[in-house]
Amino acid sequence: MTRAPLLYVCVRPQQGAAEAEYESFRLATRLDHTMLHEHDLVREPLPADVFDRYSGFLVGGSPFNATDPESAKTDVQLRLERDLERIAERAAAAATAALFTCYGIGVVTRFLGGTVSRAYPEDTGATVVTVSKEGRRDPLFGELANRFAALTAHKEGSAVPPPGGVLLASNDACPVQAYRVGDRLYATQFHPEPTTKAFTQRMAVYRDDGYFAAHDYDRIASQVLAASVTEPVRLLRTFARTFGPES
């Protein structure tokens, strides 16, 4: 029996980067446009019937930060964070499935009562992630290598998962690289979807946003392109196979 499609949820204000991110998710999951739909949460709130129409959600990254002062957040950011919390609440209750990435892990962690701070940033590029003991028993992470390279670029992170969260992957720079709540809510600090080429193209969009020194773009991009990043994509394929429209 075929389930309903998955929904990619865009939280990037930059439309070009958002469109490229959707394609990265689509190619990584091996789903076509009828199986992975997209919704621009920056420009439109979640539809009222969204949980009836989709079997699960893939939430992309964003230049927003969960730790931005509430007084500094725009009305758009405040609204989309409330909508992301709605998805997280449903997934934590096993009423849907969701995988939040990058900025999304911060939103979910705070919503669940955890702590996010600027103490755990990571430079732009490839980092090595280690799957935890619990992760090796997880249906998604258990299929991955025990240690693998993943692409990161973030200004915030967490020391421990939120209450109820099971740590699935970590590294020294950012102790919480991934966790699970229940059996249907997943969150990763790293970006699971882009190829190294797609990541360098995204870097070009955000080269002046403080993730790295703009004059270092060529050097960092060459290091990214030389990296071997295979396991994060497998994570997305397993998520799609487990919760998406594939029979």
C-alpha atoms as a PDB file:
ATOM      1  CA  MET A   1       0.000   0.000   0.000  1.00  0.00           C
ATOM      2  CA  THR A   2       1.351   3.415  -0.960  1.00  0.00           C
ATOM      3  CA  ARG A   3       1.348   6.131   1.681  1.00  0.00           C
ATOM      4  CA  ALA A   4       0.751   9.852   1.139  1.00  0.00           C
ATOM      5  CA  PRO A   5       3.620  12.027  -0.153  1.00  0.00           C
ATOM      6  CA  LEU A   6       6.255  13.653   2.027  1.00  0.00           C
ATOM      7  CA  LEU A   7       6.455  17.437   2.321  1.00  0.00           C
ATOM      8  CA  TYR A   8       9.676  19.452   2.144  1.00  0.00           C
ATOM      9  CA  VAL A   9       9.244  22.532   4.341  1.00  0.00           C
ATOM     10  CA  CYS A  10      11.299  25.539   3.258  1.00  0.00           C
ATOM     11  CA  VAL A  11      12.453  28.014   5.919  1.00  0.00           C
ATOM     12  CA  ARG A  12      14.987  29.885   3.771  1.00  0.00           C
ATOM     13  CA  PRO A  13      14.164  33.484   2.736  1.00  0.00           C
ATOM     14  CA  GLN A  14      16.495  33.206  -0.288  1.00  0.00           C
ATOM     15  CA  GLN A  15      14.350  31.592  -2.984  1.00  0.00           C
ATOM     16  CA  GLY A  16      17.225  30.394  -5.150  1.00  0.00           C
ATOM     17  CA  ALA A  17      18.823  28.592  -2.215  1.00  0.00           C
ATOM     18  CA  ALA A  18      15.430  27.190  -1.216  1.00  0.00           C
ATOM     19  CA  GLU A  19      14.741  25.799  -4.682  1.00  0.00           C
ATOM     20  CA  ALA A  20      18.179  24.178  -4.775  1.00  0.00           C
ATOM     21  CA  GLU A  21      17.647  22.702  -1.303  1.00  0.00           C
ATOM     22  CA  TYR A  22      14.358  21.132  -2.382  1.00  0.00           C
ATOM     23  CA  GLU A  23      16.102  19.527  -5.346  1.00  0.00           C
ATOM     24  CA  SER A  24      18.836  18.229  -3.041  1.00  0.00           C
ATOM     25  CA  PHE A  25      16.249  16.614  -0.773  1.00  0.00           C
ATOM     26  CA  ARG A  26      14.378  15.200  -3.741  1.00  0.00           C
ATOM     27  CA  LEU A  27      17.489  13.677  -5.300  1.00  0.00           C
ATOM     28  CA  ALA A  28      18.749  12.367  -1.955  1.00  0.00           C
ATOM     29  CA  THR A  29      15.455  10.637  -1.177  1.00  0.00           C
ATOM     30  CA  ARG A  30      15.063   9.455  -4.799  1.00  0.00           C
ATOM     31  CA  LEU A  31      11.503  10.764  -4.810  1.00  0.00           C
ATOM     32  CA  ASP A  32       9.945  12.532  -7.764  1.00  0.00           C
ATOM     33  CA  HIS A  33       7.879  15.719  -7.587  1.00  0.00           C
ATOM     34  CA  THR A  34       4.663  13.779  -7.015  1.00  0.00           C
ATOM     35  CA  MET A  35       6.159  11.980  -4.005  1.00  0.00           C
ATOM     36  CA  LEU A  36       7.967  14.929  -2.394  1.00  0.00           C
ATOM     37  CA  HIS A  37       5.966  18.140  -2.420  1.00  0.00           C
ATOM     38  CA  GLU A  38       7.293  21.503  -1.229  1.00  0.00           C
ATOM     39  CA  HIS A  39       5.888  24.295   0.923  1.00  0.00           C
ATOM     40  CA  ASP A  40       7.502  27.717   1.411  1.00  0.00           C
ATOM     41  CA  LEU A  41       6.920  28.412   5.087  1.00  0.00           C
ATOM     42  CA  VAL A  42       8.633  31.796   4.823  1.00  0.00           C
ATOM     43  CA  ARG A  43       5.864  33.066   2.585  1.00  0.00           C
ATOM     44  CA  GLU A  44       2.875  30.931   3.540  1.00  0.00           C
ATOM     45  CA  PRO A  45       1.798  29.388   6.873  1.00  0.00           C
ATOM     46  CA  LEU A  46       1.114  25.687   7.071  1.00  0.00           C
ATOM     47  CA  PRO A  47      -2.208  24.776   5.434  1.00  0.00           C
ATOM     48  CA  ALA A  48      -4.948  23.738   7.842  1.00  0.00           C
ATOM     49  CA  ASP A  49      -5.129  20.241   6.334  1.00  0.00           C
ATOM     50  CA  VAL A  50      -1.382  19.638   6.055  1.00  0.00           C
ATOM     51  CA  PHE A  51      -1.329  16.731   8.517  1.00  0.00           C
ATOM     52  CA  ASP A  52      -4.083  14.964   6.597  1.00  0.00           C
ATOM     53  CA  ARG A  53      -2.306  15.313   3.255  1.00  0.00           C
ATOM     54  CA  TYR A  54       1.243  14.206   4.069  1.00  0.00           C
ATOM     55  CA  SER A  55       2.790  11.173   5.698  1.00  0.00           C
ATOM     56  CA  GLY A  56       5.832  13.081   6.937  1.00  0.00           C
ATOM     57  CA  PHE A  57       7.952  16.218   6.763  1.00  0.00           C
ATOM     58  CA  LEU A  58      11.529  17.117   5.809  1.00  0.00           C
ATOM     59  CA  VAL A  59      12.527  20.508   7.207  1.00  0.00           C
ATOM     60  CA  GLY A  60      15.415  22.306   5.541  1.00  0.00           C
ATOM     61  CA  GLY A  61      17.961  24.725   6.958  1.00  0.00           C
ATOM     62  CA  SER A  62      17.924  28.496   7.280  1.00  0.00           C
ATOM     63  CA  PRO A  63      20.077  31.510   8.093  1.00  0.00           C
ATOM     64  CA  PHE A  64      17.693  32.117  11.002  1.00  0.00           C
ATOM     65  CA  ASN A  65      18.861  31.047  14.468  1.00  0.00           C
ATOM     66  CA  ALA A  66      16.714  29.708  17.282  1.00  0.00           C
ATOM     67  CA  THR A  67      18.875  31.676  19.717  1.00  0.00           C
ATOM     68  CA  ASP A  68      18.150  35.013  18.061  1.00  0.00           C
ATOM     69  CA  PRO A  69      16.626  37.305  20.747  1.00  0.00           C
ATOM     70  CA  GLU A  70      12.839  37.132  20.559  1.00  0.00           C
ATOM     71  CA  SER A  71      12.738  40.916  20.244  1.00  0.00           C
ATOM     72  CA  ALA A  72      14.976  40.732  17.179  1.00  0.00           C
ATOM     73  CA  LYS A  73      13.020  38.032  15.369  1.00  0.00           C
ATOM     74  CA  THR A  74      10.819  39.183  12.530  1.00  0.00           C
ATOM     75  CA  ASP A  75       7.122  38.391  12.444  1.00  0.00           C
ATOM     76  CA  VAL A  76       7.916  35.864   9.704  1.00  0.00           C
ATOM     77  CA  GLN A  77      10.471  34.041  11.842  1.00  0.00           C
ATOM     78  CA  LEU A  78       8.169  33.976  14.860  1.00  0.00           C
ATOM     79  CA  ARG A  79       5.305  32.609  12.763  1.00  0.00           C
ATOM     80  CA  LEU A  80       7.322  29.916  11.039  1.00  0.00           C
ATOM     81  CA  GLU A  81       8.833  28.791  14.338  1.00  0.00           C
ATOM     82  CA  ARG A  82       5.313  28.263  15.681  1.00  0.00           C
ATOM     83  CA  ASP A  83       4.480  26.195  12.620  1.00  0.00           C
ATOM     84  CA  LEU A  84       7.655  24.132  13.014  1.00  0.00           C
ATOM     85  CA  GLU A  85       6.662  23.523  16.625  1.00  0.00           C
ATOM     86  CA  ARG A  86       3.298  22.231  15.412  1.00  0.00           C
ATOM     87  CA  ILE A  87       5.076  19.678  13.230  1.00  0.00           C
ATOM     88  CA  ALA A  88       7.398  18.717  16.078  1.00  0.00           C
ATOM     89  CA  GLU A  89       4.508  18.288  18.492  1.00  0.00           C
ATOM     90  CA  ARG A  90       2.675  15.960  16.105  1.00  0.00           C
ATOM     91  CA  ALA A  91       5.800  13.938  15.343  1.00  0.00           C
ATOM     92  CA  ALA A  92       6.698  13.591  19.029  1.00  0.00           C
ATOM     93  CA  ALA A  93       3.197  12.216  19.578  1.00  0.00           C
ATOM     94  CA  ALA A  94       3.689   9.745  16.675  1.00  0.00           C
ATOM     95  CA  ALA A  95       0.870  11.434  14.720  1.00  0.00           C
ATOM     96  CA  THR A  96       3.247  12.093  11.814  1.00  0.00           C
ATOM     97  CA  ALA A  97       6.944  11.672  11.002  1.00  0.00           C
ATOM     98  CA  ALA A  98       9.468  14.487  10.679  1.00  0.00           C
ATOM     99  CA  LEU A  99      13.164  15.077  10.168  1.00  0.00           C
ATOM    100  CA  PHE A 100      14.382  18.563  11.109  1.00  0.00           C
ATOM    101  CA  THR A 101      17.816  19.757   9.972  1.00  0.00           C
ATOM    102  CA  CYS A 102      20.216  22.571  10.926  1.00  0.00           C
ATOM    103  CA  TYR A 103      18.155  25.534  12.214  1.00  0.00           C
ATOM    104  CA  GLY A 104      15.232  23.182  12.762  1.00  0.00           C
ATOM    105  CA  ILE A 105      17.033  21.158  15.429  1.00  0.00           C
ATOM    106  CA  GLY A 106      17.370  24.334  17.491  1.00  0.00           C
ATOM    107  CA  VAL A 107      13.680  25.168  17.174  1.00  0.00           C
ATOM    108  CA  VAL A 108      12.668  21.644  18.174  1.00  0.00           C
ATOM    109  CA  THR A 109      15.154  21.462  21.069  1.00  0.00           C
ATOM    110  CA  ARG A 110      13.870  24.675  22.615  1.00  0.00           C
ATOM    111  CA  PHE A 111      10.251  23.645  22.063  1.00  0.00           C
ATOM    112  CA  LEU A 112      10.878  20.384  23.924  1.00  0.00           C
ATOM    113  CA  GLY A 113      12.473  22.170  26.857  1.00  0.00           C
ATOM    114  CA  GLY A 114      16.128  21.776  25.923  1.00  0.00           C
ATOM    115  CA  THR A 115      18.905  24.350  25.777  1.00  0.00           C
ATOM    116  CA  VAL A 116      20.424  25.830  22.606  1.00  0.00           C
ATOM    117  CA  SER A 117      23.361  28.221  22.791  1.00  0.00           C
ATOM    118  CA  ARG A 118      26.065  29.872  20.714  1.00  0.00           C
ATOM    119  CA  ALA A 119      28.679  27.749  22.499  1.00  0.00           C
ATOM    120  CA  TYR A 120      28.691  24.968  19.888  1.00  0.00           C
ATOM    121  CA  PRO A 121      29.155  26.453  16.401  1.00  0.00           C
ATOM    122  CA  GLU A 122      30.878  24.568  13.586  1.00  0.00           C
ATOM    123  CA  ASP A 123      32.854  25.916  10.688  1.00  0.00           C
ATOM    124  CA  THR A 124      31.557  25.571   7.169  1.00  0.00           C
ATOM    125  CA  GLY A 125      32.633  22.290   5.629  1.00  0.00           C
ATOM    126  CA  ALA A 126      32.842  18.585   6.325  1.00  0.00           C
ATOM    127  CA  THR A 127      32.970  17.294   9.895  1.00  0.00           C
ATOM    128  CA  VAL A 128      33.245  13.772  11.271  1.00  0.00           C
ATOM    129  CA  VAL A 129      30.186  12.470  13.126  1.00  0.00           C
ATOM    130  CA  THR A 130      30.127   9.415  15.393  1.00  0.00           C
ATOM    131  CA  VAL A 131      26.988   7.312  15.764  1.00  0.00           C
ATOM    132  CA  SER A 132      26.147   6.625  19.415  1.00  0.00           C
ATOM    133  CA  LYS A 133      25.411   3.252  20.991  1.00  0.00           C
ATOM    134  CA  GLU A 134      21.704   4.092  20.854  1.00  0.00           C
ATOM    135  CA  GLY A 135      22.137   5.271  17.271  1.00  0.00           C
ATOM    136  CA  ARG A 136      23.514   1.904  16.219  1.00  0.00           C
ATOM    137  CA  ARG A 137      20.195   0.407  17.343  1.00  0.00           C
ATOM    138  CA  ASP A 138      18.119   3.077  15.610  1.00  0.00           C
ATOM    139  CA  PRO A 139      16.178   2.059  12.456  1.00  0.00           C
ATOM    140  CA  LEU A 140      17.620   5.003  10.483  1.00  0.00           C
ATOM    141  CA  PHE A 141      21.087   5.605  11.941  1.00  0.00           C
ATOM    142  CA  GLY A 142      21.768   1.919  12.492  1.00  0.00           C
ATOM    143  CA  GLU A 143      22.232   1.474   8.745  1.00  0.00           C
ATOM    144  CA  LEU A 144      25.041   4.063   8.612  1.00  0.00           C
ATOM    145  CA  ALA A 145      28.767   3.696   9.178  1.00  0.00           C
ATOM    146  CA  ASN A 146      29.789   4.168  12.827  1.00  0.00           C
ATOM    147  CA  ARG A 147      31.743   7.286  11.827  1.00  0.00           C
ATOM    148  CA  PHE A 148      31.007   9.365   8.763  1.00  0.00           C
ATOM    149  CA  ALA A 149      31.560  12.765   7.194  1.00  0.00           C
ATOM    150  CA  ALA A 150      28.719  15.270   7.115  1.00  0.00           C
ATOM    151  CA  LEU A 151      28.391  18.882   5.976  1.00  0.00           C
ATOM    152  CA  THR A 152      27.833  21.601   8.542  1.00  0.00           C
ATOM    153  CA  ALA A 153      27.679  25.380   8.892  1.00  0.00           C
ATOM    154  CA  HIS A 154      25.950  26.685  11.985  1.00  0.00           C
ATOM    155  CA  LYS A 155      26.284  29.251  14.768  1.00  0.00           C
ATOM    156  CA  GLU A 156      24.462  27.427  17.571  1.00  0.00           C
ATOM    157  CA  GLY A 157      24.057  23.962  19.042  1.00  0.00           C
ATOM    158  CA  SER A 158      23.422  21.908  22.170  1.00  0.00           C
ATOM    159  CA  ALA A 159      25.425  19.983  24.754  1.00  0.00           C
ATOM    160  CA  VAL A 160      22.694  17.407  25.408  1.00  0.00           C
ATOM    161  CA  PRO A 161      19.409  16.414  23.728  1.00  0.00           C
ATOM    162  CA  PRO A 162      16.155  17.876  25.039  1.00  0.00           C
ATOM    163  CA  PRO A 163      14.044  15.969  27.589  1.00  0.00           C
ATOM    164  CA  GLY A 164      12.864  12.744  25.970  1.00  0.00           C
ATOM    165  CA  GLY A 165      15.513  12.912  23.250  1.00  0.00           C
ATOM    166  CA  VAL A 166      17.748   9.931  22.470  1.00  0.00           C
ATOM    167  CA  LEU A 167      21.222  10.952  21.304  1.00  0.00           C
ATOM    168  CA  LEU A 168      21.978   9.310  17.962  1.00  0.00           C
ATOM    169  CA  ALA A 169      25.174  11.011  16.798  1.00  0.00           C
ATOM    170  CA  SER A 170      27.755  13.460  18.128  1.00  0.00           C
ATOM    171  CA  ASN A 171      31.222  14.952  17.776  1.00  0.00           C
ATOM    172  CA  ASP A 172      33.527  17.032  19.964  1.00  0.00           C
ATOM    173  CA  ALA A 173      32.707  20.426  18.475  1.00  0.00           C
ATOM    174  CA  CYS A 174      28.932  20.036  18.684  1.00  0.00           C
ATOM    175  CA  PRO A 175      27.917  17.228  21.075  1.00  0.00           C
ATOM    176  CA  VAL A 176      24.377  16.867  19.698  1.00  0.00           C
ATOM    177  CA  GLN A 177      24.577  16.070  16.001  1.00  0.00           C
ATOM    178  CA  ALA A 178      21.340  14.095  15.937  1.00  0.00           C
ATOM    179  CA  TYR A 179      18.617  12.800  18.227  1.00  0.00           C
ATOM    180  CA  ARG A 180      15.243  11.065  18.119  1.00  0.00           C
ATOM    181  CA  VAL A 181      12.104  11.599  20.172  1.00  0.00           C
ATOM    182  CA  GLY A 182       9.745   8.639  20.210  1.00  0.00           C
ATOM    183  CA  ASP A 183      10.069   6.767  16.951  1.00  0.00           C
ATOM    184  CA  ARG A 184       8.958   9.420  14.441  1.00  0.00           C
ATOM    185  CA  LEU A 185      10.702  12.694  15.328  1.00  0.00           C
ATOM    186  CA  TYR A 186      14.298  13.057  14.144  1.00  0.00           C
ATOM    187  CA  ALA A 187      16.580  16.085  14.199  1.00  0.00           C
ATOM    188  CA  THR A 188      20.087  16.575  12.799  1.00  0.00           C
ATOM    189  CA  GLN A 189      22.495  19.460  13.264  1.00  0.00           C
ATOM    190  CA  PHE A 190      24.299  18.552  10.039  1.00  0.00           C
ATOM    191  CA  HIS A 191      22.858  18.910   6.558  1.00  0.00           C
ATOM    192  CA  PRO A 192      21.971  15.432   5.260  1.00  0.00           C
ATOM    193  CA  GLU A 193      20.760  16.412   1.790  1.00  0.00           C
ATOM    194  CA  PRO A 194      23.368  18.283  -0.313  1.00  0.00           C
ATOM    195  CA  THR A 195      26.093  16.913  -2.489  1.00  0.00           C
ATOM    196  CA  THR A 196      29.418  18.659  -2.008  1.00  0.00           C
ATOM    197  CA  LYS A 197      28.835  20.642  -5.214  1.00  0.00           C
ATOM    198  CA  ALA A 198      25.376  21.756  -4.082  1.00  0.00           C
ATOM    199  CA  PHE A 199      26.845  22.752  -0.725  1.00  0.00           C
ATOM    200  CA  THR A 200      29.450  25.015  -2.346  1.00  0.00           C
ATOM    201  CA  GLN A 201      26.698  26.651  -4.392  1.00  0.00           C
ATOM    202  CA  ARG A 202      24.804  27.300  -1.159  1.00  0.00           C
ATOM    203  CA  MET A 203      27.996  28.690   0.361  1.00  0.00           C
ATOM    204  CA  ALA A 204      28.130  31.247  -2.433  1.00  0.00           C
ATOM    205  CA  VAL A 205      24.657  32.506  -1.486  1.00  0.00           C
ATOM    206  CA  TYR A 206      25.658  32.957   2.168  1.00  0.00           C
ATOM    207  CA  ARG A 207      29.292  34.002   1.748  1.00  0.00           C
ATOM    208  CA  ASP A 208      28.626  37.366   3.435  1.00  0.00           C
ATOM    209  CA  ASP A 209      26.467  36.002   6.285  1.00  0.00           C
ATOM    210  CA  GLY A 210      29.231  35.317   8.794  1.00  0.00           C
ATOM    211  CA  TYR A 211      29.607  31.556   8.417  1.00  0.00           C
ATOM    212  CA  PHE A 212      33.125  32.009   7.071  1.00  0.00           C
ATOM    213  CA  ALA A 213      35.341  34.843   5.881  1.00  0.00           C
ATOM    214  CA  ALA A 214      34.165  35.771   2.393  1.00  0.00           C
ATOM    215  CA  HIS A 215      37.723  35.865   1.054  1.00  0.00           C
ATOM    216  CA  ASP A 216      38.160  32.215   2.120  1.00  0.00           C
ATOM    217  CA  TYR A 217      35.366  30.965  -0.139  1.00  0.00           C
ATOM    218  CA  ASP A 218      37.598  29.358  -2.783  1.00  0.00           C
ATOM    219  CA  ARG A 219      39.775  27.588  -0.220  1.00  0.00           C
ATOM    220  CA  ILE A 220      36.845  26.226   1.780  1.00  0.00           C
ATOM    221  CA  ALA A 221      34.903  25.267  -1.351  1.00  0.00           C
ATOM    222  CA  SER A 222      37.860  23.231  -2.646  1.00  0.00           C
ATOM    223  CA  GLN A 223      38.050  21.368   0.683  1.00  0.00           C
ATOM    224  CA  VAL A 224      34.315  20.658   0.553  1.00  0.00           C
ATOM    225  CA  LEU A 225      34.523  19.342  -3.006  1.00  0.00           C
ATOM    226  CA  ALA A 226      37.351  17.002  -1.978  1.00  0.00           C
ATOM    227  CA  ALA A 227      35.336  15.504   0.885  1.00  0.00           C
ATOM    228  CA  SER A 228      33.609  12.117   0.641  1.00  0.00           C
ATOM    229  CA  VAL A 229      30.086  12.544   1.991  1.00  0.00           C
ATOM    230  CA  THR A 230      27.976   9.419   1.451  1.00  0.00           C
ATOM    231  CA  GLU A 231      26.187   8.420   4.663  1.00  0.00           C
ATOM    232  CA  PRO A 232      23.845  11.399   5.263  1.00  0.00           C
ATOM    233  CA  VAL A 233      22.097  10.738   1.959  1.00  0.00           C
ATOM    234  CA  ARG A 234      21.508   7.134   3.030  1.00  0.00           C
ATOM    235  CA  LEU A 235      19.803   8.494   6.143  1.00  0.00           C
ATOM    236  CA  LEU A 236      17.320  10.416   4.002  1.00  0.00           C
ATOM    237  CA  ARG A 237      16.657   7.441   1.756  1.00  0.00           C
ATOM    238  CA  THR A 238      15.858   5.300   4.774  1.00  0.00           C
ATOM    239  CA  PHE A 239      13.559   8.008   6.157  1.00  0.00           C
ATOM    240  CA  ALA A 240      11.720   8.159   2.822  1.00  0.00           C
ATOM    241  CA  ARG A 241      11.473   4.380   2.632  1.00  0.00           C
ATOM    242  CA  THR A 242      10.231   4.136   6.219  1.00  0.00           C
ATOM    243  CA  PHE A 243       7.797   7.055   6.382  1.00  0.00           C
ATOM    244  CA  GLY A 244       7.253   8.249   2.822  1.00  0.00           C
ATOM    245  CA  PRO A 245       5.194   7.163  -0.183  1.00  0.00           C
ATOM    246  CA  GLU A 246       7.301   4.137  -1.059  1.00  0.00           C
ATOM    247  CA  SER A 247       5.390   0.926  -0.441  1.00  0.00           C
END
